[in-house]
Amino acid sequence: MKPEIIRWEGKSVSPNRSAPRSPLRWVPRAARIGLGRALPSAAGLIAVRIGGTAWVTVPGELQTRLGLDIKTAGRRSFDETFVAGYSNDYLGYFLTREDYGRPSYVACGSLFGETGGEIVRDAAVELLGRLAAPRTGG
């Protein structure tokens, strides 16, 4: 049996479950906009392995720390790991919990709450793990 050269995995993630009950405290009340149901409730991530290289897509812009976490996890199983942002959708910025509450334009563009970035990062890491695992069955 030949070794698998190309393989892909997909996952739907729900960053909206982390949307804050109250907006960022530092944003002036007059500037707050309730988006409610206007935000998507799910987005797709895809991971692809080509030989010893893995690619994983995310539907927005990850803060550097989150992207490095994904690459570090990928290095456990792959020679190279690439993170492709702005893929299949654009849901804004995804930040670490620590940076979500800091006043910045990036935090204003992070629409899925303080754990939205962690949810996307964890989904990407899970996909890389599934890619690295031996395929079972037919």
Protein backbone atom coordinates (compact mmCIF):
# COMPACT_ATOMS: atom_id res chain seq x y z
CA MET A 1 0.00 0.00 0.00
CA LYS A 2 1.38 3.42 -0.99
CA PRO A 3 1.65 6.09 1.72
CA GLU A 4 -0.97 8.80 1.60
CA ILE A 5 0.37 11.91 -0.14
CA ILE A 6 -2.62 14.24 0.09
CA ARG A 7 -5.30 14.27 2.77
CA TRP A 8 -7.77 16.83 4.07
CA GLU A 9 -10.01 17.30 7.09
CA GLY A 10 -12.74 19.87 7.70
CA LYS A 11 -14.53 21.23 10.74
CA SER A 12 -17.31 23.69 11.44
CA VAL A 13 -16.57 25.95 14.38
CA SER A 14 -18.97 28.17 16.32
CA PRO A 15 -17.06 31.22 17.54
CA ASN A 16 -20.35 32.95 18.28
CA ARG A 17 -20.88 30.92 21.45
CA SER A 18 -18.28 33.13 23.10
CA ALA A 19 -19.89 36.44 22.17
CA PRO A 20 -19.87 38.68 25.22
CA ARG A 21 -23.09 39.42 27.06
CA SER A 22 -21.89 43.01 27.47
CA PRO A 23 -19.76 44.97 25.00
CA LEU A 24 -16.18 45.99 25.64
CA ARG A 25 -16.30 48.17 28.75
CA TRP A 26 -13.96 50.79 27.31
CA VAL A 27 -16.06 51.47 24.18
CA PRO A 28 -18.26 54.57 24.63
CA ARG A 29 -21.94 53.65 24.93
CA ALA A 30 -22.85 55.82 21.91
CA ALA A 31 -20.47 53.80 19.71
CA ARG A 32 -21.87 50.39 20.65
CA ILE A 33 -23.85 48.52 18.02
CA GLY A 34 -25.83 45.42 18.90
CA LEU A 35 -25.15 42.91 16.12
CA GLY A 36 -27.06 40.04 17.69
CA ARG A 37 -28.18 37.58 15.03
CA ALA A 38 -26.26 39.40 12.26
CA LEU A 39 -23.12 37.44 13.16
CA PRO A 40 -22.64 33.98 11.65
CA SER A 41 -23.12 31.14 14.10
CA ALA A 42 -20.55 28.86 12.42
CA ALA A 43 -17.63 28.94 10.02
CA GLY A 44 -15.58 26.29 8.28
CA LEU A 45 -11.92 25.46 8.81
CA ILE A 46 -10.02 23.11 6.50
CA ALA A 47 -6.69 21.37 7.04
CA VAL A 48 -4.74 19.80 4.19
CA ARG A 49 -1.66 17.63 4.31
CA ILE A 50 0.61 17.34 1.29
CA GLY A 51 3.46 15.01 2.12
CA GLY A 52 5.08 16.33 5.30
CA THR A 53 3.50 19.79 5.05
CA ALA A 54 0.20 20.85 6.61
CA TRP A 55 -1.98 23.85 5.81
CA VAL A 56 -4.90 24.97 7.96
CA THR A 57 -7.38 27.72 7.05
CA VAL A 58 -9.04 30.17 9.42
CA PRO A 59 -11.97 32.49 8.62
CA GLY A 60 -10.39 35.79 9.64
CA GLU A 61 -7.23 37.33 11.03
CA LEU A 62 -5.55 35.58 13.94
CA GLN A 63 -3.48 37.45 16.46
CA THR A 64 0.16 36.39 16.06
CA ARG A 65 0.19 34.44 19.35
CA LEU A 66 -2.73 32.26 18.20
CA GLY A 67 -1.10 31.56 14.83
CA LEU A 68 2.16 30.59 16.53
CA ASP A 69 0.24 28.23 18.86
CA ILE A 70 -1.18 26.48 15.78
CA LYS A 71 2.22 26.23 14.10
CA THR A 72 3.81 24.87 17.29
CA ALA A 73 1.13 22.19 17.53
CA GLY A 74 1.64 21.31 13.86
CA ARG A 75 5.39 20.87 14.30
CA ARG A 76 4.72 17.86 16.53
CA SER A 77 3.61 15.92 13.45
CA PHE A 78 4.62 17.82 10.31
CA ASP A 79 7.82 19.20 8.80
CA GLU A 80 6.09 22.52 8.07
CA THR A 81 2.76 23.99 9.10
CA PHE A 82 1.18 27.01 7.42
CA VAL A 83 -1.82 29.01 8.64
CA ALA A 84 -3.90 30.65 5.90
CA GLY A 85 -6.04 33.49 7.22
CA TYR A 86 -8.96 35.14 5.44
CA SER A 87 -9.92 31.73 4.06
CA ASN A 88 -13.46 30.66 3.15
CA ASP A 89 -14.93 33.56 5.15
CA TYR A 90 -13.95 36.72 6.99
CA LEU A 91 -15.23 37.01 10.54
CA GLY A 92 -12.91 39.76 11.75
CA TYR A 93 -10.04 39.59 14.19
CA PHE A 94 -9.47 36.73 16.62
CA LEU A 95 -7.53 37.64 19.76
CA THR A 96 -6.20 36.01 22.90
CA ARG A 97 -8.33 36.40 26.01
CA GLU A 98 -5.70 38.73 27.50
CA ASP A 99 -5.71 41.14 24.55
CA TYR A 100 -9.46 41.19 23.98
CA GLY A 101 -10.06 43.65 26.82
CA ARG A 102 -7.27 46.07 25.87
CA PRO A 103 -8.37 49.23 24.06
CA SER A 104 -7.45 48.90 20.38
CA TYR A 105 -9.00 48.94 16.92
CA VAL A 106 -8.27 45.20 16.70
CA ALA A 107 -10.39 44.50 19.79
CA CYS A 108 -13.21 46.54 18.22
CA GLY A 109 -13.01 44.27 15.16
CA SER A 110 -13.09 41.11 17.28
CA LEU A 111 -16.79 40.33 17.19
CA PHE A 112 -16.84 36.93 18.91
CA GLY A 113 -15.85 37.75 22.47
CA GLU A 114 -12.86 37.04 24.61
CA THR A 115 -12.74 33.31 23.81
CA GLY A 116 -13.47 33.50 20.08
CA GLY A 117 -9.76 33.35 19.21
CA GLU A 118 -9.18 30.36 21.46
CA ILE A 119 -12.11 28.51 19.91
CA VAL A 120 -10.73 29.02 16.39
CA ARG A 121 -7.17 28.14 17.47
CA ASP A 122 -8.32 24.96 19.24
CA ALA A 123 -10.37 23.88 16.21
CA ALA A 124 -7.34 24.37 13.93
CA VAL A 125 -5.11 22.36 16.31
CA GLU A 126 -7.73 19.60 16.45
CA LEU A 127 -7.80 19.42 12.65
CA LEU A 128 -4.01 19.12 12.51
CA GLY A 129 -4.19 16.28 15.02
CA ARG A 130 -6.79 14.51 12.91
CA LEU A 131 -4.58 14.92 9.83
CA ALA A 132 -1.60 13.44 11.64
CA ALA A 133 -3.50 10.44 12.96
CA PRO A 134 -3.43 7.28 10.86
CA ARG A 135 -6.58 6.85 8.82
CA THR A 136 -8.74 3.97 9.99
CA GLY A 137 -11.18 2.00 7.90
CA GLY A 138 -11.54 2.08 4.12
